[in-house]
Amino acid sequence: MSGEHGSSAALTSAGRHKRPLVIALGLTALFMVVETVVALTSGSLALLSDAGHMLTDVAGLGMALLAIQLGRRRRDPAHTYGLYRLEVLAALANAVLLFAVAGYVLYEAYGRLREPPEVPGLPLLVVAGVGLLVNVVSFLLLRAGAKESLNVRGAFLEVLSDLLGSLGVILAGAVLLTTGWPYADPIIGAAIGVFILPRAWRLGREALRILLEIAPRELDVRAVQQRLAGVAGVEDVHDLHVWTLTSGLLAASGHLRLAQGAEAGAVLQQATDALNHDFNIGHVTLQTEPTDYREPTAEV
């Protein structure tokens, strides 16, 4: 019986985007401090809420960086798959944070619709404008990494939601400054909360799919099985499993029953190449079995 292992020692795709994460974290943390100081001195609850939103961005970016750093450390022999899954756990934590932020925003919006507070428009307009600039820079820094890494995507979604939050605060500030209408703030807040929820759900669902070792959504497992069954010398394919180790790194294992006279090494090489080239599965473990082999049954 034999196996073939592909790129299990490769760096995760998130590792290539560490520098943009560091820059985005520094910019976001610095502005969060500035926004908190202005919110406390002006008494603006809207700005204080937005500072809390940016705090989740800082936490999310920090967790993303921590996951990348730990994932690149030298492997402990007990960590047979390394620490690749840390980035998925970080993405799940980011999804939970996004849910918490959305819930808080909606709760605050409900309270303000009942009793709208006095909110000064000018501080909102100025500080939210600077915040928008910070979020645009972070958005551009993380956009490429979000396409490759679930971990970076979690941080990217938090920055995106905060970018839209800044736009909302700018709009609310402009309305308050020009008309003094007190309901602008809670209505914009509710819209931000509604926007965040479905994105948090999709991120959390994708992270859970990886943690539960469900086959990638875009991969047809039946097509994988048929491809292996079509390899010359393969009589049967069973116990096939396909899952995601981390973003951009798929794994598969299975048993191949050989036809009479088939050469195990040649079959194994063809099957591994098929999974690598046709389905981009980089970590492959296949067991070949002679045609008369019968697996032992466990005693009850």
C-alpha atoms as a PDB file:
ATOM      1  CA  MET A   1       0.000   0.000   0.000  1.00  0.00           C
ATOM      2  CA  SER A   2       1.357   3.386  -0.837  1.00  0.00           C
ATOM      3  CA  GLY A   3       0.558   7.064  -0.812  1.00  0.00           C
ATOM      4  CA  GLU A   4       1.595  10.305  -2.459  1.00  0.00           C
ATOM      5  CA  HIS A   5       1.784  13.661  -0.755  1.00  0.00           C
ATOM      6  CA  GLY A   6       1.783  16.958  -2.632  1.00  0.00           C
ATOM      7  CA  SER A   7       2.250  20.473  -1.308  1.00  0.00           C
ATOM      8  CA  SER A   8       1.475  19.858   2.355  1.00  0.00           C
ATOM      9  CA  ALA A   9       4.551  21.837   3.394  1.00  0.00           C
ATOM     10  CA  ALA A  10       3.668  24.853   1.253  1.00  0.00           C
ATOM     11  CA  LEU A  11       2.898  28.192   2.841  1.00  0.00           C
ATOM     12  CA  THR A  12      -0.743  29.167   2.964  1.00  0.00           C
ATOM     13  CA  SER A  13      -1.954  31.706   0.447  1.00  0.00           C
ATOM     14  CA  ALA A  14      -2.588  34.130   3.296  1.00  0.00           C
ATOM     15  CA  GLY A  15       1.128  34.314   4.068  1.00  0.00           C
ATOM     16  CA  ARG A  16       1.797  36.166   0.829  1.00  0.00           C
ATOM     17  CA  HIS A  17      -0.441  38.987   2.035  1.00  0.00           C
ATOM     18  CA  LYS A  18       1.088  39.565   5.456  1.00  0.00           C
ATOM     19  CA  ARG A  19       2.524  43.018   4.655  1.00  0.00           C
ATOM     20  CA  PRO A  20      -0.818  44.514   3.494  1.00  0.00           C
ATOM     21  CA  LEU A  21      -2.421  43.151   6.669  1.00  0.00           C
ATOM     22  CA  VAL A  22       0.242  44.821   8.822  1.00  0.00           C
ATOM     23  CA  ILE A  23      -0.274  48.184   7.080  1.00  0.00           C
ATOM     24  CA  ALA A  24      -4.060  47.918   7.314  1.00  0.00           C
ATOM     25  CA  LEU A  25      -3.821  47.012  11.006  1.00  0.00           C
ATOM     26  CA  GLY A  26      -1.597  50.019  11.777  1.00  0.00           C
ATOM     27  CA  LEU A  27      -3.835  52.485   9.925  1.00  0.00           C
ATOM     28  CA  THR A  28      -7.020  51.110  11.465  1.00  0.00           C
ATOM     29  CA  ALA A  29      -5.654  51.042  15.028  1.00  0.00           C
ATOM     30  CA  LEU A  30      -4.347  54.609  14.740  1.00  0.00           C
ATOM     31  CA  PHE A  31      -7.628  55.966  13.437  1.00  0.00           C
ATOM     32  CA  MET A  32      -9.620  54.011  16.024  1.00  0.00           C
ATOM     33  CA  VAL A  33      -7.734  55.884  18.773  1.00  0.00           C
ATOM     34  CA  VAL A  34      -8.347  59.232  17.057  1.00  0.00           C
ATOM     35  CA  GLU A  35     -12.051  58.492  16.571  1.00  0.00           C
ATOM     36  CA  THR A  36     -12.471  57.386  20.189  1.00  0.00           C
ATOM     37  CA  VAL A  37     -10.860  60.591  21.487  1.00  0.00           C
ATOM     38  CA  VAL A  38     -13.059  62.787  19.276  1.00  0.00           C
ATOM     39  CA  ALA A  39     -16.161  60.793  20.220  1.00  0.00           C
ATOM     40  CA  LEU A  40     -15.491  61.197  23.949  1.00  0.00           C
ATOM     41  CA  THR A  41     -14.688  64.921  23.713  1.00  0.00           C
ATOM     42  CA  SER A  42     -17.674  65.714  21.489  1.00  0.00           C
ATOM     43  CA  GLY A  43     -20.125  63.385  23.208  1.00  0.00           C
ATOM     44  CA  SER A  44     -21.078  61.781  19.901  1.00  0.00           C
ATOM     45  CA  LEU A  45     -22.566  58.330  20.370  1.00  0.00           C
ATOM     46  CA  ALA A  46     -22.468  57.718  16.609  1.00  0.00           C
ATOM     47  CA  LEU A  47     -18.710  58.198  16.513  1.00  0.00           C
ATOM     48  CA  LEU A  48     -18.229  56.072  19.613  1.00  0.00           C
ATOM     49  CA  SER A  49     -20.242  53.287  17.984  1.00  0.00           C
ATOM     50  CA  ASP A  50     -18.158  53.554  14.834  1.00  0.00           C
ATOM     51  CA  ALA A  51     -14.996  53.406  16.966  1.00  0.00           C
ATOM     52  CA  GLY A  52     -16.338  50.165  18.453  1.00  0.00           C
ATOM     53  CA  HIS A  53     -16.875  48.890  14.922  1.00  0.00           C
ATOM     54  CA  MET A  54     -13.262  49.729  14.094  1.00  0.00           C
ATOM     55  CA  LEU A  55     -12.185  47.880  17.226  1.00  0.00           C
ATOM     56  CA  THR A  56     -13.570  44.698  15.648  1.00  0.00           C
ATOM     57  CA  ASP A  57     -11.532  45.521  12.542  1.00  0.00           C
ATOM     58  CA  VAL A  58      -8.389  45.777  14.667  1.00  0.00           C
ATOM     59  CA  ALA A  59      -9.228  42.489  16.393  1.00  0.00           C
ATOM     60  CA  GLY A  60      -9.972  40.783  13.090  1.00  0.00           C
ATOM     61  CA  LEU A  61      -6.797  42.014  11.413  1.00  0.00           C
ATOM     62  CA  GLY A  62      -4.761  41.070  14.484  1.00  0.00           C
ATOM     63  CA  MET A  63      -6.190  37.539  14.521  1.00  0.00           C
ATOM     64  CA  ALA A  64      -5.523  37.186  10.796  1.00  0.00           C
ATOM     65  CA  LEU A  65      -1.881  38.139  11.291  1.00  0.00           C
ATOM     66  CA  LEU A  66      -1.533  35.869  14.315  1.00  0.00           C
ATOM     67  CA  ALA A  67      -2.953  32.942  12.360  1.00  0.00           C
ATOM     68  CA  ILE A  68      -0.473  33.543   9.515  1.00  0.00           C
ATOM     69  CA  GLN A  69       2.482  33.865  11.890  1.00  0.00           C
ATOM     70  CA  LEU A  70       1.637  30.716  13.836  1.00  0.00           C
ATOM     71  CA  GLY A  71       0.856  28.841  10.637  1.00  0.00           C
ATOM     72  CA  ARG A  72       4.373  29.516   9.332  1.00  0.00           C
ATOM     73  CA  ARG A  73       6.209  28.312  12.427  1.00  0.00           C
ATOM     74  CA  ARG A  74       8.243  25.118  12.308  1.00  0.00           C
ATOM     75  CA  ARG A  75       5.918  22.179  12.663  1.00  0.00           C
ATOM     76  CA  ASP A  76       5.701  20.218  15.872  1.00  0.00           C
ATOM     77  CA  PRO A  77       5.798  16.471  15.061  1.00  0.00           C
ATOM     78  CA  ALA A  78       2.402  16.151  16.736  1.00  0.00           C
ATOM     79  CA  HIS A  79       0.920  18.719  14.321  1.00  0.00           C
ATOM     80  CA  THR A  80       0.781  16.376  11.343  1.00  0.00           C
ATOM     81  CA  TYR A  81      -1.064  18.964   9.237  1.00  0.00           C
ATOM     82  CA  GLY A  82       0.782  21.958  10.639  1.00  0.00           C
ATOM     83  CA  LEU A  83      -1.308  24.882  11.902  1.00  0.00           C
ATOM     84  CA  TYR A  84      -3.015  25.654   8.611  1.00  0.00           C
ATOM     85  CA  ARG A  85      -6.474  25.531  10.167  1.00  0.00           C
ATOM     86  CA  LEU A  86      -5.710  28.535  12.396  1.00  0.00           C
ATOM     87  CA  GLU A  87      -6.620  30.875   9.559  1.00  0.00           C
ATOM     88  CA  VAL A  88     -10.001  29.173   9.245  1.00  0.00           C
ATOM     89  CA  LEU A  89     -10.599  29.548  12.979  1.00  0.00           C
ATOM     90  CA  ALA A  90      -9.660  33.231  12.670  1.00  0.00           C
ATOM     91  CA  ALA A  91     -12.152  33.627   9.825  1.00  0.00           C
ATOM     92  CA  LEU A  92     -14.871  32.003  11.957  1.00  0.00           C
ATOM     93  CA  ALA A  93     -14.035  34.338  14.850  1.00  0.00           C
ATOM     94  CA  ASN A  94     -14.271  37.278  12.445  1.00  0.00           C
ATOM     95  CA  ALA A  95     -17.714  36.118  11.360  1.00  0.00           C
ATOM     96  CA  VAL A  96     -18.814  35.998  15.018  1.00  0.00           C
ATOM     97  CA  LEU A  97     -17.471  39.533  15.511  1.00  0.00           C
ATOM     98  CA  LEU A  98     -19.374  40.721  12.454  1.00  0.00           C
ATOM     99  CA  PHE A  99     -22.587  39.219  13.846  1.00  0.00           C
ATOM    100  CA  ALA A 100     -21.955  40.966  17.174  1.00  0.00           C
ATOM    101  CA  VAL A 101     -21.352  44.325  15.468  1.00  0.00           C
ATOM    102  CA  ALA A 102     -24.476  43.960  13.342  1.00  0.00           C
ATOM    103  CA  GLY A 103     -26.553  43.076  16.407  1.00  0.00           C
ATOM    104  CA  TYR A 104     -25.188  46.029  18.346  1.00  0.00           C
ATOM    105  CA  VAL A 105     -25.818  48.462  15.480  1.00  0.00           C
ATOM    106  CA  LEU A 106     -29.402  47.255  15.040  1.00  0.00           C
ATOM    107  CA  TYR A 107     -30.017  47.451  18.792  1.00  0.00           C
ATOM    108  CA  GLU A 108     -28.685  51.002  18.933  1.00  0.00           C
ATOM    109  CA  ALA A 109     -30.699  51.972  15.843  1.00  0.00           C
ATOM    110  CA  TYR A 110     -33.898  50.705  17.490  1.00  0.00           C
ATOM    111  CA  GLY A 111     -33.246  52.751  20.619  1.00  0.00           C
ATOM    112  CA  ARG A 112     -32.510  55.900  18.637  1.00  0.00           C
ATOM    113  CA  LEU A 113     -35.639  55.577  16.537  1.00  0.00           C
ATOM    114  CA  ARG A 114     -37.638  55.661  19.753  1.00  0.00           C
ATOM    115  CA  GLU A 115     -35.671  58.529  21.310  1.00  0.00           C
ATOM    116  CA  PRO A 116     -33.315  60.207  18.809  1.00  0.00           C
ATOM    117  CA  PRO A 117     -30.431  61.907  20.658  1.00  0.00           C
ATOM    118  CA  GLU A 118     -28.836  65.251  19.875  1.00  0.00           C
ATOM    119  CA  VAL A 119     -25.891  64.461  17.619  1.00  0.00           C
ATOM    120  CA  PRO A 120     -23.584  67.208  16.220  1.00  0.00           C
ATOM    121  CA  GLY A 121     -23.241  66.888  12.464  1.00  0.00           C
ATOM    122  CA  LEU A 122     -19.842  68.501  11.870  1.00  0.00           C
ATOM    123  CA  PRO A 123     -17.708  66.108  13.976  1.00  0.00           C
ATOM    124  CA  LEU A 124     -19.429  63.172  12.286  1.00  0.00           C
ATOM    125  CA  LEU A 125     -18.758  64.585   8.842  1.00  0.00           C
ATOM    126  CA  VAL A 126     -15.069  65.395   9.405  1.00  0.00           C
ATOM    127  CA  VAL A 127     -14.021  62.273  11.320  1.00  0.00           C
ATOM    128  CA  ALA A 128     -16.063  59.914   9.128  1.00  0.00           C
ATOM    129  CA  GLY A 129     -14.412  61.475   6.072  1.00  0.00           C
ATOM    130  CA  VAL A 130     -10.958  60.645   7.423  1.00  0.00           C
ATOM    131  CA  GLY A 131     -12.218  57.185   8.383  1.00  0.00           C
ATOM    132  CA  LEU A 132     -13.454  56.650   4.859  1.00  0.00           C
ATOM    133  CA  LEU A 133      -9.995  57.416   3.492  1.00  0.00           C
ATOM    134  CA  VAL A 134      -8.387  54.949   5.934  1.00  0.00           C
ATOM    135  CA  ASN A 135     -10.887  52.256   4.994  1.00  0.00           C
ATOM    136  CA  VAL A 136     -10.402  52.796   1.260  1.00  0.00           C
ATOM    137  CA  VAL A 137      -6.630  52.343   1.659  1.00  0.00           C
ATOM    138  CA  SER A 138      -7.154  49.159   3.730  1.00  0.00           C
ATOM    139  CA  PHE A 139      -9.753  47.914   1.230  1.00  0.00           C
ATOM    140  CA  LEU A 140      -7.305  48.261  -1.658  1.00  0.00           C
ATOM    141  CA  LEU A 141      -4.513  46.602   0.338  1.00  0.00           C
ATOM    142  CA  LEU A 142      -6.586  43.536   1.210  1.00  0.00           C
ATOM    143  CA  ARG A 143      -8.607  43.092  -1.979  1.00  0.00           C
ATOM    144  CA  ALA A 144      -6.152  40.759  -3.721  1.00  0.00           C
ATOM    145  CA  GLY A 145      -5.606  38.567  -0.644  1.00  0.00           C
ATOM    146  CA  ALA A 146      -9.362  38.237  -0.062  1.00  0.00           C
ATOM    147  CA  LYS A 147      -9.655  36.305  -3.343  1.00  0.00           C
ATOM    148  CA  GLU A 148      -7.152  33.668  -2.186  1.00  0.00           C
ATOM    149  CA  SER A 149      -7.428  33.354   1.583  1.00  0.00           C
ATOM    150  CA  LEU A 150     -10.501  32.831   3.770  1.00  0.00           C
ATOM    151  CA  ASN A 151      -8.589  34.368   6.643  1.00  0.00           C
ATOM    152  CA  VAL A 152      -7.766  37.563   4.707  1.00  0.00           C
ATOM    153  CA  ARG A 153     -11.333  37.594   3.369  1.00  0.00           C
ATOM    154  CA  GLY A 154     -12.652  37.816   6.915  1.00  0.00           C
ATOM    155  CA  ALA A 155     -10.491  40.874   7.608  1.00  0.00           C
ATOM    156  CA  PHE A 156     -11.425  42.299   4.203  1.00  0.00           C
ATOM    157  CA  LEU A 157     -15.152  41.984   4.930  1.00  0.00           C
ATOM    158  CA  GLU A 158     -14.743  43.805   8.226  1.00  0.00           C
ATOM    159  CA  VAL A 159     -12.912  46.647   6.470  1.00  0.00           C
ATOM    160  CA  LEU A 160     -15.585  46.697   3.752  1.00  0.00           C
ATOM    161  CA  SER A 161     -18.393  46.888   6.298  1.00  0.00           C
ATOM    162  CA  ASP A 162     -16.581  49.686   8.120  1.00  0.00           C
ATOM    163  CA  LEU A 163     -16.032  51.518   4.818  1.00  0.00           C
ATOM    164  CA  LEU A 164     -19.765  51.442   4.199  1.00  0.00           C
ATOM    165  CA  GLY A 165     -20.284  52.452   7.806  1.00  0.00           C
ATOM    166  CA  SER A 166     -18.107  55.522   7.219  1.00  0.00           C
ATOM    167  CA  LEU A 167     -20.184  56.409   4.155  1.00  0.00           C
ATOM    168  CA  GLY A 168     -23.310  56.052   6.253  1.00  0.00           C
ATOM    169  CA  VAL A 169     -21.925  58.271   9.017  1.00  0.00           C
ATOM    170  CA  ILE A 170     -20.923  60.881   6.409  1.00  0.00           C
ATOM    171  CA  LEU A 171     -24.460  60.842   5.036  1.00  0.00           C
ATOM    172  CA  ALA A 172     -25.960  61.094   8.513  1.00  0.00           C
ATOM    173  CA  GLY A 173     -23.581  63.956   9.377  1.00  0.00           C
ATOM    174  CA  ALA A 174     -24.484  65.833   6.207  1.00  0.00           C
ATOM    175  CA  VAL A 175     -28.213  65.456   6.906  1.00  0.00           C
ATOM    176  CA  LEU A 176     -27.801  66.532  10.536  1.00  0.00           C
ATOM    177  CA  LEU A 177     -25.645  69.487   9.538  1.00  0.00           C
ATOM    178  CA  THR A 178     -28.025  70.729   6.859  1.00  0.00           C
ATOM    179  CA  THR A 179     -31.473  69.825   8.222  1.00  0.00           C
ATOM    180  CA  GLY A 180     -31.008  68.798  11.864  1.00  0.00           C
ATOM    181  CA  TRP A 181     -33.289  65.775  11.239  1.00  0.00           C
ATOM    182  CA  PRO A 182     -32.509  63.476  14.220  1.00  0.00           C
ATOM    183  CA  TYR A 183     -33.656  60.222  12.592  1.00  0.00           C
ATOM    184  CA  ALA A 184     -30.853  60.201  10.011  1.00  0.00           C
ATOM    185  CA  ASP A 185     -28.440  58.512  12.411  1.00  0.00           C
ATOM    186  CA  PRO A 186     -30.631  55.521  13.451  1.00  0.00           C
ATOM    187  CA  ILE A 187     -31.883  54.873   9.912  1.00  0.00           C
ATOM    188  CA  ILE A 188     -28.343  54.779   8.501  1.00  0.00           C
ATOM    189  CA  GLY A 189     -27.262  52.598  11.432  1.00  0.00           C
ATOM    190  CA  ALA A 190     -30.012  50.071  10.743  1.00  0.00           C
ATOM    191  CA  ALA A 191     -29.043  49.941   7.047  1.00  0.00           C
ATOM    192  CA  ILE A 192     -25.406  49.200   8.004  1.00  0.00           C
ATOM    193  CA  GLY A 193     -26.506  46.395  10.333  1.00  0.00           C
ATOM    194  CA  VAL A 194     -28.685  44.806   7.649  1.00  0.00           C
ATOM    195  CA  PHE A 195     -25.776  44.967   5.184  1.00  0.00           C
ATOM    196  CA  ILE A 196     -23.343  43.254   7.561  1.00  0.00           C
ATOM    197  CA  LEU A 197     -25.517  40.243   8.486  1.00  0.00           C
ATOM    198  CA  PRO A 198     -25.601  38.266   5.179  1.00  0.00           C
ATOM    199  CA  ARG A 199     -21.863  38.744   4.657  1.00  0.00           C
ATOM    200  CA  ALA A 200     -21.106  37.495   8.159  1.00  0.00           C
ATOM    201  CA  TRP A 201     -23.344  34.488   7.495  1.00  0.00           C
ATOM    202  CA  ARG A 202     -21.534  33.559   4.274  1.00  0.00           C
ATOM    203  CA  LEU A 203     -18.094  33.877   5.868  1.00  0.00           C
ATOM    204  CA  GLY A 204     -19.100  31.788   8.891  1.00  0.00           C
ATOM    205  CA  ARG A 205     -20.762  29.147   6.713  1.00  0.00           C
ATOM    206  CA  GLU A 206     -17.642  28.760   4.563  1.00  0.00           C
ATOM    207  CA  ALA A 207     -15.369  28.494   7.612  1.00  0.00           C
ATOM    208  CA  LEU A 208     -17.625  25.844   9.170  1.00  0.00           C
ATOM    209  CA  ARG A 209     -17.666  23.924   5.901  1.00  0.00           C
ATOM    210  CA  ILE A 210     -13.869  23.639   6.077  1.00  0.00           C
ATOM    211  CA  LEU A 211     -13.818  22.768   9.781  1.00  0.00           C
ATOM    212  CA  LEU A 212     -16.430  20.035   9.216  1.00  0.00           C
ATOM    213  CA  GLU A 213     -14.271  18.714   6.338  1.00  0.00           C
ATOM    214  CA  ILE A 214     -17.073  18.934   3.800  1.00  0.00           C
ATOM    215  CA  ALA A 215     -15.892  18.844   0.196  1.00  0.00           C
ATOM    216  CA  PRO A 216     -15.359  22.289  -1.374  1.00  0.00           C
ATOM    217  CA  ARG A 217     -18.557  23.744  -2.806  1.00  0.00           C
ATOM    218  CA  GLU A 218     -17.049  24.134  -6.277  1.00  0.00           C
ATOM    219  CA  LEU A 219     -15.782  20.533  -6.434  1.00  0.00           C
ATOM    220  CA  ASP A 220     -17.931  17.640  -7.723  1.00  0.00           C
ATOM    221  CA  VAL A 221     -16.889  14.591  -5.663  1.00  0.00           C
ATOM    222  CA  ARG A 222     -18.645  12.240  -8.098  1.00  0.00           C
ATOM    223  CA  ALA A 223     -16.533  13.661 -10.920  1.00  0.00           C
ATOM    224  CA  VAL A 224     -13.404  13.009  -8.851  1.00  0.00           C
ATOM    225  CA  GLN A 225     -14.482   9.408  -8.262  1.00  0.00           C
ATOM    226  CA  GLN A 226     -15.269   8.875 -11.941  1.00  0.00           C
ATOM    227  CA  ARG A 227     -11.900  10.301 -12.948  1.00  0.00           C
ATOM    228  CA  LEU A 228     -10.064   7.935 -10.615  1.00  0.00           C
ATOM    229  CA  ALA A 229     -12.171   5.015 -11.829  1.00  0.00           C
ATOM    230  CA  GLY A 230     -11.124   5.887 -15.379  1.00  0.00           C
ATOM    231  CA  VAL A 231      -7.415   5.473 -14.636  1.00  0.00           C
ATOM    232  CA  ALA A 232      -5.997   2.440 -16.445  1.00  0.00           C
ATOM    233  CA  GLY A 233      -5.657  -0.479 -14.052  1.00  0.00           C
ATOM    234  CA  VAL A 234      -8.276   0.702 -11.528  1.00  0.00           C
ATOM    235  CA  GLU A 235     -11.134  -1.723 -10.961  1.00  0.00           C
ATOM    236  CA  ASP A 236     -12.936   0.128  -8.172  1.00  0.00           C
ATOM    237  CA  VAL A 237     -12.729   3.329  -6.098  1.00  0.00           C
ATOM    238  CA  HIS A 238     -14.019   3.464  -2.533  1.00  0.00           C
ATOM    239  CA  ASP A 239     -13.548   5.310   0.770  1.00  0.00           C
ATOM    240  CA  LEU A 240     -12.935   8.528  -1.176  1.00  0.00           C
ATOM    241  CA  HIS A 241     -12.666  11.705   0.896  1.00  0.00           C
ATOM    242  CA  VAL A 242     -12.021  15.242  -0.363  1.00  0.00           C
ATOM    243  CA  TRP A 243     -11.670  18.232   1.955  1.00  0.00           C
ATOM    244  CA  THR A 244      -9.973  21.606   2.378  1.00  0.00           C
ATOM    245  CA  LEU A 245      -6.969  21.902   4.677  1.00  0.00           C
ATOM    246  CA  THR A 246      -6.895  25.690   4.394  1.00  0.00           C
ATOM    247  CA  SER A 247      -7.515  28.303   1.718  1.00  0.00           C
ATOM    248  CA  GLY A 248      -6.056  27.137  -1.584  1.00  0.00           C
ATOM    249  CA  LEU A 249      -4.892  23.739  -0.267  1.00  0.00           C
ATOM    250  CA  LEU A 250      -7.163  20.784  -1.008  1.00  0.00           C
ATOM    251  CA  ALA A 251      -6.618  17.219   0.198  1.00  0.00           C
ATOM    252  CA  ALA A 252      -7.946  13.830  -0.853  1.00  0.00           C
ATOM    253  CA  SER A 253      -7.632  10.236   0.268  1.00  0.00           C
ATOM    254  CA  GLY A 254      -9.089   7.017  -1.067  1.00  0.00           C
ATOM    255  CA  HIS A 255      -8.683   3.352  -1.853  1.00  0.00           C
ATOM    256  CA  LEU A 256      -8.057   2.047  -5.377  1.00  0.00           C
ATOM    257  CA  ARG A 257      -8.718  -1.625  -6.087  1.00  0.00           C
ATOM    258  CA  LEU A 258      -6.394  -2.747  -8.864  1.00  0.00           C
ATOM    259  CA  ALA A 259      -7.381  -4.821 -11.860  1.00  0.00           C
ATOM    260  CA  GLN A 260      -5.671  -8.171 -12.366  1.00  0.00           C
ATOM    261  CA  GLY A 261      -2.072  -7.618 -13.497  1.00  0.00           C
ATOM    262  CA  ALA A 262      -2.073  -3.862 -12.932  1.00  0.00           C
ATOM    263  CA  GLU A 263       1.190  -2.324 -11.698  1.00  0.00           C
ATOM    264  CA  ALA A 264       0.575  -0.455  -8.436  1.00  0.00           C
ATOM    265  CA  GLY A 265       3.243   2.216  -8.898  1.00  0.00           C
ATOM    266  CA  ALA A 266       2.055   3.233 -12.358  1.00  0.00           C
ATOM    267  CA  VAL A 267      -1.594   3.360 -11.249  1.00  0.00           C
ATOM    268  CA  LEU A 268      -0.721   5.423  -8.187  1.00  0.00           C
ATOM    269  CA  GLN A 269       1.272   7.927 -10.261  1.00  0.00           C
ATOM    270  CA  GLN A 270      -1.486   8.352 -12.862  1.00  0.00           C
ATOM    271  CA  ALA A 271      -4.179   8.735 -10.209  1.00  0.00           C
ATOM    272  CA  THR A 272      -2.172  11.297  -8.243  1.00  0.00           C
ATOM    273  CA  ASP A 273      -1.391  13.288 -11.395  1.00  0.00           C
ATOM    274  CA  ALA A 274      -5.085  13.259 -12.325  1.00  0.00           C
ATOM    275  CA  LEU A 275      -6.106  14.722  -8.975  1.00  0.00           C
ATOM    276  CA  ASN A 276      -3.336  17.320  -9.089  1.00  0.00           C
ATOM    277  CA  HIS A 277      -3.874  18.474 -12.654  1.00  0.00           C
ATOM    278  CA  ASP A 278      -7.644  18.050 -13.134  1.00  0.00           C
ATOM    279  CA  PHE A 279      -8.898  19.142  -9.707  1.00  0.00           C
ATOM    280  CA  ASN A 280      -5.987  21.113  -8.196  1.00  0.00           C
ATOM    281  CA  ILE A 281      -5.822  18.768  -5.202  1.00  0.00           C
ATOM    282  CA  GLY A 282      -2.335  19.262  -3.788  1.00  0.00           C
ATOM    283  CA  HIS A 283      -2.265  16.763  -0.908  1.00  0.00           C
ATOM    284  CA  VAL A 284      -3.120  13.253  -2.100  1.00  0.00           C
ATOM    285  CA  THR A 285      -3.043   9.991  -0.145  1.00  0.00           C
ATOM    286  CA  LEU A 286      -4.154   6.892  -2.045  1.00  0.00           C
ATOM    287  CA  GLN A 287      -4.053   3.254  -1.016  1.00  0.00           C
ATOM    288  CA  THR A 288      -3.826   0.596  -3.720  1.00  0.00           C
ATOM    289  CA  GLU A 289      -5.342  -2.843  -3.140  1.00  0.00           C
ATOM    290  CA  PRO A 290      -4.931  -6.047  -5.151  1.00  0.00           C
ATOM    291  CA  THR A 291      -8.095  -7.404  -6.726  1.00  0.00           C
ATOM    292  CA  ASP A 292      -8.470 -10.189  -4.135  1.00  0.00           C
ATOM    293  CA  TYR A 293      -7.888  -7.897  -1.134  1.00  0.00           C
ATOM    294  CA  ARG A 294     -10.678  -7.692   1.439  1.00  0.00           C
ATOM    295  CA  GLU A 295     -10.594  -5.127   4.221  1.00  0.00           C
ATOM    296  CA  PRO A 296     -10.801  -6.551   7.744  1.00  0.00           C
ATOM    297  CA  THR A 297     -14.064  -5.922   9.584  1.00  0.00           C
ATOM    298  CA  ALA A 298     -13.928  -4.465  13.066  1.00  0.00           C
ATOM    299  CA  GLU A 299     -15.056  -6.723  15.881  1.00  0.00           C
ATOM    300  CA  VAL A 300     -18.095  -5.516  17.780  1.00  0.00           C
END
